[in-house]
Amino acid sequence: MTNYRLPDLSFDYGDLQPHISARIMEVHHDKHHRAYVENANVITEKYASAVEKEDFSSISSLQRSLAFNISGHFLHSLLWNNLSPSGGGAPTGILQQTIEKDFGNFETFQKVMTQTIGQAQGSGWACLAWESETGCLKVEQILNHQDNVILGSTPLLVIDAWEHAYYLQYENRRNDYVGAIWNVINWDDVASRFEKASTDC
């Protein structure tokens, strides 16, 4: 039976201050992310039981719930690695060159990501992804955790725009939160993911 696990952080809750408060990190990781993991495990068991009994009356709703919770788990796991107390600045090397090729310059890319978050209606994510079919970087607006995703793309960098990611510190000032989070982006992690995604295709 598949067992999803809450990953440990590579930094302490307070290490991203003042950009992201310790309280937000604690609640975000230990409450919200944990809930996605626990729900994924429970629903996985229900799904397996339904298949074993050949009771397909709830298969569609179980699959939808699995997609929501497993995607929430995956995106949060990626987010924690995308953040670092020593992050910020801009990428270098081939990632920088590819961003400049696909967006014109880094500042335009930042604006696209920021507007993608700012225009999310309700909950969602902004995601920088590698699209292997065209060999280009794309910015996706992921609704909830799983809708509006380009199939075949590989997420490299995600920014959480759900209220639980910022409200305790920034209240309804989502744009202030987005401006702050750029100061803790772990570009080494993003570059490593980009290198793997772009060479595996």
N, C-alpha and C. Protein backbone atom coordinates (compact mmCIF):
# COMPACT_ATOMS: atom_id res chain seq x y z
N MET A 1 0.84 -1.20 0.00
CA MET A 1 0.00 0.00 0.00
C MET A 1 0.88 1.25 0.00
N THR A 2 0.59 2.17 -0.90
CA THR A 2 1.33 3.43 -0.96
C THR A 2 1.15 4.21 0.34
N ASN A 3 2.25 4.72 0.86
CA ASN A 3 2.18 5.50 2.10
C ASN A 3 2.90 6.83 1.88
N TYR A 4 2.15 7.91 1.83
CA TYR A 4 2.74 9.23 1.64
C TYR A 4 3.21 9.76 2.99
N ARG A 5 4.32 10.48 2.99
CA ARG A 5 4.92 10.95 4.23
C ARG A 5 5.19 12.46 4.17
N LEU A 6 5.01 13.11 5.30
CA LEU A 6 5.33 14.53 5.40
C LEU A 6 6.84 14.69 5.43
N PRO A 7 7.42 15.44 4.49
CA PRO A 7 8.88 15.60 4.49
C PRO A 7 9.32 16.59 5.56
N ASP A 8 10.51 16.38 6.08
CA ASP A 8 11.10 17.35 6.98
C ASP A 8 11.58 18.56 6.18
N LEU A 9 11.60 19.71 6.84
CA LEU A 9 12.16 20.90 6.22
C LEU A 9 13.68 20.88 6.37
N SER A 10 14.37 21.49 5.44
CA SER A 10 15.83 21.59 5.52
C SER A 10 16.28 22.81 6.30
N PHE A 11 15.30 23.55 6.84
CA PHE A 11 15.59 24.75 7.64
C PHE A 11 14.55 24.84 8.74
N ASP A 12 14.83 25.68 9.75
CA ASP A 12 13.89 25.85 10.85
C ASP A 12 12.76 26.79 10.44
N TYR A 13 11.64 26.70 11.16
CA TYR A 13 10.48 27.51 10.82
C TYR A 13 10.80 29.00 10.74
N GLY A 14 11.68 29.48 11.62
CA GLY A 14 11.96 30.91 11.67
C GLY A 14 13.04 31.39 10.73
N ASP A 15 13.64 30.48 9.96
CA ASP A 15 14.80 30.85 9.15
C ASP A 15 14.48 31.73 7.95
N LEU A 16 13.21 31.79 7.55
CA LEU A 16 12.85 32.61 6.38
C LEU A 16 12.36 34.00 6.77
N GLN A 17 12.39 34.31 8.05
CA GLN A 17 11.99 35.65 8.51
C GLN A 17 13.01 36.67 8.04
N PRO A 18 12.60 37.92 7.78
CA PRO A 18 11.27 38.48 8.01
C PRO A 18 10.29 38.26 6.85
N HIS A 19 10.75 37.57 5.80
CA HIS A 19 9.93 37.44 4.59
C HIS A 19 8.73 36.52 4.80
N ILE A 20 8.96 35.41 5.49
CA ILE A 20 7.87 34.50 5.86
C ILE A 20 8.04 34.17 7.33
N SER A 21 7.02 34.43 8.12
CA SER A 21 7.13 34.29 9.57
C SER A 21 7.22 32.83 9.99
N ALA A 22 7.79 32.63 11.18
CA ALA A 22 7.91 31.29 11.74
C ALA A 22 6.53 30.67 11.96
N ARG A 23 5.57 31.47 12.38
CA ARG A 23 4.23 30.94 12.64
C ARG A 23 3.57 30.46 11.36
N ILE A 24 3.73 31.22 10.27
CA ILE A 24 3.18 30.77 8.99
C ILE A 24 3.82 29.45 8.57
N MET A 25 5.14 29.36 8.67
CA MET A 25 5.82 28.14 8.26
C MET A 25 5.37 26.96 9.10
N GLU A 26 5.21 27.17 10.39
CA GLU A 26 4.78 26.07 11.26
C GLU A 26 3.38 25.58 10.89
N VAL A 27 2.44 26.52 10.74
CA VAL A 27 1.07 26.14 10.40
C VAL A 27 1.00 25.55 8.99
N HIS A 28 1.72 26.16 8.07
CA HIS A 28 1.68 25.74 6.68
C HIS A 28 2.21 24.31 6.53
N HIS A 29 3.37 24.06 7.13
CA HIS A 29 3.99 22.74 7.00
C HIS A 29 3.33 21.70 7.90
N ASP A 30 3.18 22.02 9.17
CA ASP A 30 2.77 21.00 10.14
C ASP A 30 1.27 20.79 10.21
N LYS A 31 0.50 21.73 9.71
CA LYS A 31 -0.97 21.58 9.72
C LYS A 31 -1.51 21.32 8.31
N HIS A 32 -1.29 22.28 7.42
CA HIS A 32 -1.89 22.17 6.08
C HIS A 32 -1.26 21.04 5.26
N HIS A 33 0.08 21.04 5.17
CA HIS A 33 0.71 19.99 4.38
C HIS A 33 0.44 18.62 5.01
N ARG A 34 0.52 18.53 6.32
CA ARG A 34 0.25 17.26 7.00
C ARG A 34 -1.15 16.74 6.66
N ALA A 35 -2.12 17.65 6.58
CA ALA A 35 -3.49 17.24 6.27
C ALA A 35 -3.58 16.62 4.88
N TYR A 36 -2.87 17.19 3.90
CA TYR A 36 -2.89 16.62 2.56
C TYR A 36 -2.30 15.20 2.57
N VAL A 37 -1.23 15.02 3.32
CA VAL A 37 -0.58 13.71 3.40
C VAL A 37 -1.52 12.70 4.06
N GLU A 38 -2.10 13.07 5.18
CA GLU A 38 -3.00 12.15 5.89
C GLU A 38 -4.23 11.82 5.05
N ASN A 39 -4.79 12.83 4.40
CA ASN A 39 -5.95 12.59 3.54
C ASN A 39 -5.60 11.69 2.36
N ALA A 40 -4.43 11.90 1.77
CA ALA A 40 -4.00 11.06 0.64
C ALA A 40 -3.90 9.60 1.06
N ASN A 41 -3.38 9.36 2.25
CA ASN A 41 -3.24 7.97 2.71
C ASN A 41 -4.61 7.34 2.98
N VAL A 42 -5.51 8.09 3.60
CA VAL A 42 -6.84 7.56 3.89
C VAL A 42 -7.60 7.26 2.59
N ILE A 43 -7.55 8.20 1.65
CA ILE A 43 -8.30 8.02 0.40
C ILE A 43 -7.69 6.91 -0.44
N THR A 44 -6.36 6.77 -0.39
CA THR A 44 -5.71 5.67 -1.10
C THR A 44 -6.24 4.32 -0.61
N GLU A 45 -6.41 4.19 0.68
CA GLU A 45 -6.95 2.95 1.24
C GLU A 45 -8.40 2.73 0.80
N LYS A 46 -9.20 3.79 0.81
CA LYS A 46 -10.59 3.68 0.36
C LYS A 46 -10.66 3.28 -1.11
N TYR A 47 -9.78 3.87 -1.90
CA TYR A 47 -9.75 3.57 -3.33
C TYR A 47 -9.40 2.10 -3.57
N ALA A 48 -8.35 1.63 -2.86
CA ALA A 48 -7.93 0.25 -3.00
C ALA A 48 -9.05 -0.71 -2.58
N SER A 49 -9.75 -0.35 -1.52
CA SER A 49 -10.86 -1.18 -1.04
C SER A 49 -12.00 -1.23 -2.06
N ALA A 50 -12.30 -0.09 -2.65
CA ALA A 50 -13.36 -0.03 -3.65
C ALA A 50 -13.02 -0.87 -4.87
N VAL A 51 -11.78 -0.82 -5.30
CA VAL A 51 -11.36 -1.61 -6.46
C VAL A 51 -11.42 -3.10 -6.13
N GLU A 52 -10.94 -3.44 -4.93
CA GLU A 52 -10.95 -4.85 -4.53
C GLU A 52 -12.37 -5.42 -4.48
N LYS A 53 -13.31 -4.60 -4.01
CA LYS A 53 -14.71 -5.04 -3.91
C LYS A 53 -15.48 -4.85 -5.21
N GLU A 54 -14.81 -4.25 -6.20
CA GLU A 54 -15.45 -3.91 -7.47
C GLU A 54 -16.68 -3.04 -7.25
N ASP A 55 -16.55 -2.15 -6.28
CA ASP A 55 -17.60 -1.16 -6.01
C ASP A 55 -17.16 0.15 -6.66
N PHE A 56 -17.63 0.39 -7.87
CA PHE A 56 -17.15 1.54 -8.65
C PHE A 56 -18.06 2.76 -8.54
N SER A 57 -18.99 2.72 -7.61
CA SER A 57 -19.94 3.83 -7.48
C SER A 57 -19.27 5.13 -7.06
N SER A 58 -18.14 5.03 -6.34
CA SER A 58 -17.48 6.25 -5.84
C SER A 58 -16.11 6.47 -6.47
N ILE A 59 -15.78 5.71 -7.51
CA ILE A 59 -14.44 5.79 -8.10
C ILE A 59 -14.11 7.20 -8.58
N SER A 60 -15.04 7.86 -9.25
CA SER A 60 -14.77 9.19 -9.79
C SER A 60 -14.46 10.19 -8.68
N SER A 61 -15.27 10.19 -7.62
CA SER A 61 -15.04 11.14 -6.53
C SER A 61 -13.75 10.82 -5.77
N LEU A 62 -13.44 9.52 -5.63
CA LEU A 62 -12.19 9.14 -4.97
C LEU A 62 -10.98 9.56 -5.79
N GLN A 63 -11.07 9.40 -7.10
CA GLN A 63 -9.96 9.82 -7.96
C GLN A 63 -9.76 11.33 -7.89
N ARG A 64 -10.86 12.07 -7.85
CA ARG A 64 -10.77 13.53 -7.74
C ARG A 64 -10.12 13.93 -6.42
N SER A 65 -10.51 13.27 -5.34
CA SER A 65 -9.94 13.56 -4.02
C SER A 65 -8.46 13.18 -3.96
N LEU A 66 -8.12 12.06 -4.60
CA LEU A 66 -6.71 11.67 -4.64
C LEU A 66 -5.89 12.70 -5.39
N ALA A 67 -6.39 13.15 -6.54
CA ALA A 67 -5.67 14.15 -7.33
C ALA A 67 -5.44 15.41 -6.52
N PHE A 68 -6.47 15.84 -5.79
CA PHE A 68 -6.37 17.07 -5.00
C PHE A 68 -5.33 16.92 -3.89
N ASN A 69 -5.42 15.86 -3.12
CA ASN A 69 -4.54 15.71 -1.95
C ASN A 69 -3.12 15.30 -2.31
N ILE A 70 -2.97 14.39 -3.27
CA ILE A 70 -1.62 14.00 -3.67
C ILE A 70 -0.91 15.16 -4.36
N SER A 71 -1.63 15.90 -5.19
CA SER A 71 -1.03 17.07 -5.84
C SER A 71 -0.67 18.13 -4.81
N GLY A 72 -1.54 18.31 -3.80
CA GLY A 72 -1.22 19.25 -2.73
C GLY A 72 0.04 18.84 -2.00
N HIS A 73 0.18 17.55 -1.74
CA HIS A 73 1.40 17.03 -1.10
C HIS A 73 2.62 17.26 -1.98
N PHE A 74 2.51 16.93 -3.27
CA PHE A 74 3.64 17.09 -4.17
C PHE A 74 4.06 18.56 -4.28
N LEU A 75 3.10 19.44 -4.47
CA LEU A 75 3.42 20.86 -4.65
C LEU A 75 4.05 21.46 -3.40
N HIS A 76 3.55 21.10 -2.23
CA HIS A 76 4.15 21.62 -1.00
C HIS A 76 5.56 21.06 -0.79
N SER A 77 5.77 19.79 -1.11
CA SER A 77 7.11 19.21 -1.00
C SER A 77 8.08 19.95 -1.91
N LEU A 78 7.61 20.28 -3.11
CA LEU A 78 8.44 21.05 -4.04
C LEU A 78 8.69 22.45 -3.50
N LEU A 79 7.65 23.07 -2.96
CA LEU A 79 7.78 24.43 -2.43
C LEU A 79 8.87 24.52 -1.37
N TRP A 80 8.87 23.58 -0.42
CA TRP A 80 9.86 23.66 0.67
C TRP A 80 11.29 23.61 0.11
N ASN A 81 11.51 22.82 -0.93
CA ASN A 81 12.84 22.76 -1.53
C ASN A 81 13.15 23.99 -2.37
N ASN A 82 12.12 24.66 -2.84
CA ASN A 82 12.29 25.89 -3.62
C ASN A 82 12.65 27.09 -2.75
N LEU A 83 12.57 26.93 -1.42
CA LEU A 83 12.82 28.04 -0.50
C LEU A 83 14.12 27.80 0.27
N SER A 84 14.80 28.89 0.59
CA SER A 84 16.05 28.79 1.34
C SER A 84 16.32 30.10 2.07
N PRO A 85 16.84 30.02 3.30
CA PRO A 85 17.23 31.24 4.02
C PRO A 85 18.30 32.04 3.29
N SER A 86 19.10 31.35 2.46
CA SER A 86 20.15 32.04 1.71
C SER A 86 19.75 32.25 0.25
N GLY A 87 18.45 32.20 -0.02
CA GLY A 87 17.96 32.35 -1.39
C GLY A 87 17.83 33.79 -1.83
N GLY A 88 17.09 33.98 -2.89
CA GLY A 88 16.89 35.32 -3.43
C GLY A 88 17.77 35.61 -4.61
N GLY A 89 17.73 36.84 -5.06
CA GLY A 89 18.52 37.23 -6.21
C GLY A 89 17.93 36.70 -7.49
N ALA A 90 18.79 36.26 -8.38
CA ALA A 90 18.35 35.78 -9.69
C ALA A 90 19.14 34.53 -10.05
N PRO A 91 18.60 33.70 -10.93
CA PRO A 91 19.33 32.51 -11.35
C PRO A 91 20.53 32.87 -12.22
N THR A 92 21.40 31.92 -12.39
CA THR A 92 22.58 32.11 -13.24
C THR A 92 22.66 30.95 -14.24
N GLY A 93 23.65 31.00 -15.09
CA GLY A 93 23.94 29.88 -15.98
C GLY A 93 22.85 29.62 -17.01
N ILE A 94 22.69 28.34 -17.33
CA ILE A 94 21.77 27.96 -18.40
C ILE A 94 20.32 28.27 -18.05
N LEU A 95 19.96 28.20 -16.76
CA LEU A 95 18.59 28.56 -16.37
C LEU A 95 18.34 30.03 -16.66
N GLN A 96 19.27 30.88 -16.30
CA GLN A 96 19.12 32.31 -16.59
C GLN A 96 19.00 32.54 -18.09
N GLN A 97 19.83 31.88 -18.87
CA GLN A 97 19.81 32.06 -20.32
C GLN A 97 18.48 31.60 -20.92
N THR A 98 17.94 30.51 -20.39
CA THR A 98 16.68 29.99 -20.92
C THR A 98 15.51 30.89 -20.53
N ILE A 99 15.53 31.42 -19.30
CA ILE A 99 14.51 32.38 -18.89
C ILE A 99 14.55 33.60 -19.81
N GLU A 100 15.74 34.09 -20.11
CA GLU A 100 15.87 35.25 -20.98
C GLU A 100 15.40 34.93 -22.40
N LYS A 101 15.65 33.72 -22.86
CA LYS A 101 15.21 33.31 -24.20
C LYS A 101 13.68 33.25 -24.28
N ASP A 102 13.07 32.68 -23.23
CA ASP A 102 11.63 32.42 -23.28
C ASP A 102 10.77 33.58 -22.78
N PHE A 103 11.36 34.48 -21.99
CA PHE A 103 10.57 35.58 -21.43
C PHE A 103 11.12 36.96 -21.77
N GLY A 104 12.29 37.02 -22.39
CA GLY A 104 12.90 38.30 -22.72
C GLY A 104 13.96 38.71 -21.71
N ASN A 105 13.59 38.65 -20.42
CA ASN A 105 14.54 38.94 -19.33
C ASN A 105 13.94 38.43 -18.02
N PHE A 106 14.77 38.43 -17.00
CA PHE A 106 14.34 37.89 -15.71
C PHE A 106 13.22 38.73 -15.11
N GLU A 107 13.29 40.03 -15.26
CA GLU A 107 12.28 40.92 -14.68
C GLU A 107 10.90 40.64 -15.29
N THR A 108 10.85 40.39 -16.57
CA THR A 108 9.57 40.07 -17.21
C THR A 108 9.04 38.74 -16.69
N PHE A 109 9.92 37.76 -16.54
CA PHE A 109 9.51 36.48 -15.96
C PHE A 109 8.91 36.67 -14.57
N GLN A 110 9.56 37.46 -13.74
CA GLN A 110 9.03 37.74 -12.40
C GLN A 110 7.63 38.35 -12.47
N LYS A 111 7.45 39.28 -13.39
CA LYS A 111 6.15 39.92 -13.54
C LYS A 111 5.08 38.92 -13.97
N VAL A 112 5.45 38.01 -14.87
CA VAL A 112 4.50 37.00 -15.32
C VAL A 112 4.09 36.11 -14.15
N MET A 113 5.06 35.66 -13.36
CA MET A 113 4.76 34.82 -12.18
C MET A 113 3.90 35.60 -11.19
N THR A 114 4.26 36.85 -10.94
CA THR A 114 3.54 37.67 -9.97
C THR A 114 2.10 37.91 -10.42
N GLN A 115 1.91 38.23 -11.69
CA GLN A 115 0.56 38.45 -12.20
C GLN A 115 -0.26 37.16 -12.22
N THR A 116 0.41 36.06 -12.47
CA THR A 116 -0.27 34.76 -12.45
C THR A 116 -0.84 34.49 -11.06
N ILE A 117 -0.08 34.82 -10.04
CA ILE A 117 -0.57 34.66 -8.66
C ILE A 117 -1.66 35.67 -8.36
N GLY A 118 -1.38 36.92 -8.72
CA GLY A 118 -2.31 37.99 -8.40
C GLY A 118 -3.68 37.82 -9.05
N GLN A 119 -3.72 37.18 -10.21
CA GLN A 119 -4.98 37.02 -10.92
C GLN A 119 -5.66 35.68 -10.63
N ALA A 120 -5.06 34.88 -9.74
CA ALA A 120 -5.72 33.63 -9.36
C ALA A 120 -6.99 33.94 -8.58
N GLN A 121 -8.09 33.40 -9.02
CA GLN A 121 -9.36 33.63 -8.34
C GLN A 121 -9.50 32.62 -7.21
N GLY A 122 -9.36 33.11 -5.99
CA GLY A 122 -9.41 32.20 -4.85
C GLY A 122 -8.06 31.55 -4.63
N SER A 123 -8.02 30.24 -4.62
CA SER A 123 -6.81 29.50 -4.28
C SER A 123 -6.08 29.02 -5.53
N GLY A 124 -4.78 28.93 -5.44
CA GLY A 124 -4.02 28.43 -6.57
C GLY A 124 -2.53 28.61 -6.39
N TRP A 125 -1.81 28.32 -7.44
CA TRP A 125 -0.35 28.39 -7.45
C TRP A 125 0.11 29.03 -8.75
N ALA A 126 1.30 29.62 -8.70
CA ALA A 126 2.03 29.96 -9.93
C ALA A 126 3.17 28.97 -10.05
N CYS A 127 3.42 28.51 -11.25
CA CYS A 127 4.42 27.47 -11.45
C CYS A 127 5.25 27.76 -12.68
N LEU A 128 6.57 27.72 -12.52
CA LEU A 128 7.48 27.73 -13.67
C LEU A 128 7.73 26.28 -14.02
N ALA A 129 7.41 25.91 -15.26
CA ALA A 129 7.53 24.51 -15.66
C ALA A 129 8.29 24.39 -16.97
N TRP A 130 8.92 23.24 -17.13
CA TRP A 130 9.61 22.92 -18.38
C TRP A 130 8.68 22.08 -19.23
N GLU A 131 8.43 22.54 -20.46
CA GLU A 131 7.54 21.83 -21.36
C GLU A 131 8.39 21.15 -22.43
N SER A 132 8.52 19.83 -22.31
CA SER A 132 9.49 19.09 -23.12
C SER A 132 9.13 19.07 -24.60
N GLU A 133 7.86 19.12 -24.93
CA GLU A 133 7.45 19.06 -26.34
C GLU A 133 8.04 20.20 -27.15
N THR A 134 8.04 21.40 -26.57
CA THR A 134 8.54 22.57 -27.29
C THR A 134 9.94 22.99 -26.82
N GLY A 135 10.39 22.41 -25.71
CA GLY A 135 11.69 22.79 -25.18
C GLY A 135 11.70 24.21 -24.64
N CYS A 136 10.59 24.59 -24.01
CA CYS A 136 10.46 25.96 -23.49
C CYS A 136 10.00 25.95 -22.04
N LEU A 137 10.33 27.02 -21.36
CA LEU A 137 9.80 27.26 -20.03
C LEU A 137 8.43 27.91 -20.15
N LYS A 138 7.50 27.49 -19.32
CA LYS A 138 6.15 28.06 -19.32
C LYS A 138 5.77 28.41 -17.89
N VAL A 139 4.96 29.44 -17.74
CA VAL A 139 4.38 29.76 -16.44
C VAL A 139 2.94 29.27 -16.45
N GLU A 140 2.59 28.47 -15.47
CA GLU A 140 1.25 27.91 -15.36
C GLU A 140 0.55 28.47 -14.13
N GLN A 141 -0.75 28.65 -14.23
CA GLN A 141 -1.57 28.97 -13.07
C GLN A 141 -2.29 27.69 -12.68
N ILE A 142 -1.87 27.10 -11.57
CA ILE A 142 -2.46 25.85 -11.12
C ILE A 142 -3.62 26.17 -10.19
N LEU A 143 -4.83 25.88 -10.63
CA LEU A 143 -6.00 26.14 -9.82
C LEU A 143 -6.14 25.03 -8.78
N ASN A 144 -6.48 25.40 -7.56
CA ASN A 144 -6.48 24.45 -6.45
C ASN A 144 -5.08 23.80 -6.40
N HIS A 145 -5.00 22.51 -6.65
CA HIS A 145 -3.68 21.86 -6.70
C HIS A 145 -3.43 21.15 -8.02
N GLN A 146 -4.48 20.96 -8.82
CA GLN A 146 -4.30 20.05 -9.94
C GLN A 146 -4.94 20.51 -11.25
N ASP A 147 -5.75 21.54 -11.24
CA ASP A 147 -6.43 21.97 -12.46
C ASP A 147 -5.61 23.01 -13.23
N ASN A 148 -5.77 23.01 -14.53
CA ASN A 148 -5.13 23.98 -15.42
C ASN A 148 -3.64 23.73 -15.61
N VAL A 149 -3.23 22.47 -15.44
CA VAL A 149 -1.83 22.10 -15.60
C VAL A 149 -1.60 21.65 -17.04
N ILE A 150 -0.47 22.04 -17.61
CA ILE A 150 -0.09 21.58 -18.94
C ILE A 150 0.46 20.16 -18.81
N LEU A 151 -0.25 19.18 -19.33
CA LEU A 151 0.21 17.80 -19.24
C LEU A 151 1.52 17.65 -20.01
N GLY A 152 2.44 16.91 -19.40
CA GLY A 152 3.74 16.73 -20.02
C GLY A 152 4.77 17.74 -19.56
N SER A 153 4.34 18.72 -18.78
CA SER A 153 5.28 19.71 -18.26
C SER A 153 5.82 19.24 -16.91
N THR A 154 7.00 19.74 -16.56
CA THR A 154 7.65 19.39 -15.30
C THR A 154 7.78 20.63 -14.43
N PRO A 155 7.15 20.66 -13.26
CA PRO A 155 7.26 21.83 -12.37
C PRO A 155 8.69 22.01 -11.86
N LEU A 156 9.16 23.24 -11.90
CA LEU A 156 10.50 23.56 -11.42
C LEU A 156 10.47 24.48 -10.21
N LEU A 157 9.56 25.44 -10.24
CA LEU A 157 9.43 26.45 -9.18
C LEU A 157 7.95 26.70 -8.97
N VAL A 158 7.52 26.65 -7.71
CA VAL A 158 6.12 26.94 -7.41
C VAL A 158 6.03 27.99 -6.31
N ILE A 159 5.00 28.81 -6.42
CA ILE A 159 4.69 29.79 -5.38
C ILE A 159 3.24 29.59 -4.98
N ASP A 160 3.02 29.35 -3.71
CA ASP A 160 1.70 29.05 -3.17
C ASP A 160 0.91 30.35 -3.00
N ALA A 161 -0.28 30.39 -3.59
CA ALA A 161 -1.12 31.58 -3.47
C ALA A 161 -2.38 31.31 -2.64
N TRP A 162 -2.42 30.16 -1.96
CA TRP A 162 -3.51 29.92 -1.03
C TRP A 162 -3.35 30.86 0.17
N GLU A 163 -4.45 31.29 0.76
CA GLU A 163 -4.37 32.25 1.86
C GLU A 163 -3.57 31.73 3.04
N HIS A 164 -3.58 30.42 3.26
CA HIS A 164 -2.84 29.90 4.42
C HIS A 164 -1.33 30.13 4.27
N ALA A 165 -0.87 30.43 3.05
CA ALA A 165 0.56 30.64 2.83
C ALA A 165 1.02 32.02 3.28
N TYR A 166 0.08 32.94 3.51
CA TYR A 166 0.51 34.31 3.80
C TYR A 166 -0.39 35.10 4.76
N TYR A 167 -1.63 34.67 4.98
CA TYR A 167 -2.61 35.55 5.61
C TYR A 167 -2.24 35.93 7.05
N LEU A 168 -1.64 35.05 7.81
CA LEU A 168 -1.27 35.36 9.20
C LEU A 168 -0.28 36.52 9.29
N GLN A 169 0.47 36.72 8.23
CA GLN A 169 1.47 37.79 8.23
C GLN A 169 1.07 38.96 7.34
N TYR A 170 0.53 38.67 6.18
CA TYR A 170 0.27 39.73 5.20
C TYR A 170 -1.22 40.05 5.06
N GLU A 171 -2.06 39.33 5.78
CA GLU A 171 -3.51 39.51 5.69
C GLU A 171 -3.95 39.42 4.22
N ASN A 172 -4.67 40.40 3.71
CA ASN A 172 -5.15 40.31 2.32
C ASN A 172 -4.17 40.92 1.31
N ARG A 173 -2.95 41.23 1.74
CA ARG A 173 -1.97 41.87 0.86
C ARG A 173 -1.14 40.80 0.14
N ARG A 174 -1.78 40.10 -0.76
CA ARG A 174 -1.12 39.00 -1.47
C ARG A 174 0.10 39.48 -2.24
N ASN A 175 0.00 40.66 -2.85
CA ASN A 175 1.13 41.17 -3.63
C ASN A 175 2.36 41.43 -2.77
N ASP A 176 2.15 41.86 -1.52
CA ASP A 176 3.28 42.06 -0.61
C ASP A 176 3.97 40.74 -0.31
N TYR A 177 3.17 39.71 -0.12
CA TYR A 177 3.71 38.37 0.12
C TYR A 177 4.53 37.90 -1.07
N VAL A 178 3.99 38.09 -2.26
CA VAL A 178 4.70 37.65 -3.47
C VAL A 178 6.01 38.41 -3.61
N GLY A 179 5.99 39.71 -3.34
CA GLY A 179 7.22 40.49 -3.40
C GLY A 179 8.25 40.00 -2.42
N ALA A 180 7.80 39.55 -1.25
CA ALA A 180 8.71 39.08 -0.22
C ALA A 180 9.30 37.71 -0.53
N ILE A 181 8.49 36.84 -1.11
CA ILE A 181 8.95 35.46 -1.29
C ILE A 181 10.10 35.36 -2.29
N TRP A 182 10.21 36.33 -3.19
CA TRP A 182 11.34 36.30 -4.13
C TRP A 182 12.68 36.38 -3.39
N ASN A 183 12.66 36.88 -2.16
CA ASN A 183 13.91 37.01 -1.38
C ASN A 183 14.41 35.69 -0.81
N VAL A 184 13.58 34.65 -0.90
CA VAL A 184 13.99 33.36 -0.33
C VAL A 184 13.88 32.22 -1.34
N ILE A 185 13.82 32.54 -2.63
CA ILE A 185 13.77 31.49 -3.66
C ILE A 185 15.15 30.82 -3.77
N ASN A 186 15.13 29.52 -3.74
CA ASN A 186 16.36 28.72 -3.83
C ASN A 186 16.65 28.42 -5.30
N TRP A 187 17.38 29.29 -5.93
CA TRP A 187 17.62 29.14 -7.37
C TRP A 187 18.50 27.94 -7.68
N ASP A 188 19.33 27.51 -6.72
CA ASP A 188 20.13 26.31 -6.94
C ASP A 188 19.23 25.09 -7.12
N ASP A 189 18.16 25.02 -6.30
CA ASP A 189 17.22 23.91 -6.42
C ASP A 189 16.48 23.98 -7.75
N VAL A 190 16.03 25.17 -8.13
CA VAL A 190 15.30 25.33 -9.39
C VAL A 190 16.20 24.95 -10.56
N ALA A 191 17.46 25.40 -10.52
CA ALA A 191 18.40 25.10 -11.60
C ALA A 191 18.66 23.60 -11.70
N SER A 192 18.76 22.93 -10.56
CA SER A 192 18.98 21.49 -10.56
C SER A 192 17.80 20.75 -11.19
N ARG A 193 16.59 21.18 -10.87
CA ARG A 193 15.39 20.57 -11.45
C ARG A 193 15.31 20.84 -12.95
N PHE A 194 15.69 22.05 -13.33
CA PHE A 194 15.68 22.40 -14.75
C PHE A 194 16.68 21.54 -15.53
N GLU A 195 17.87 21.38 -14.99
CA GLU A 195 18.90 20.57 -15.67
C GLU A 195 18.41 19.14 -15.88
N LYS A 196 17.81 18.57 -14.85
CA LYS A 196 17.33 17.19 -14.96
C LYS A 196 16.18 17.09 -15.96
N ALA A 197 15.21 18.01 -15.86
CA ALA A 197 14.05 17.95 -16.75
C ALA A 197 14.45 18.16 -18.20
N SER A 198 15.35 19.09 -18.46
CA SER A 198 15.68 19.44 -19.84
C SER A 198 16.63 18.43 -20.48
N THR A 199 17.33 17.64 -19.68
CA THR A 199 18.23 16.64 -20.26
C THR A 199 17.59 15.27 -20.32
N ASP A 200 16.50 15.07 -19.57
CA ASP A 200 15.82 13.76 -19.58
C ASP A 200 14.89 13.60 -20.78
N CYS A 201 14.52 14.74 -21.41
CA CYS A 201 13.53 14.66 -22.49
C CYS A 201 14.16 14.19 -23.79
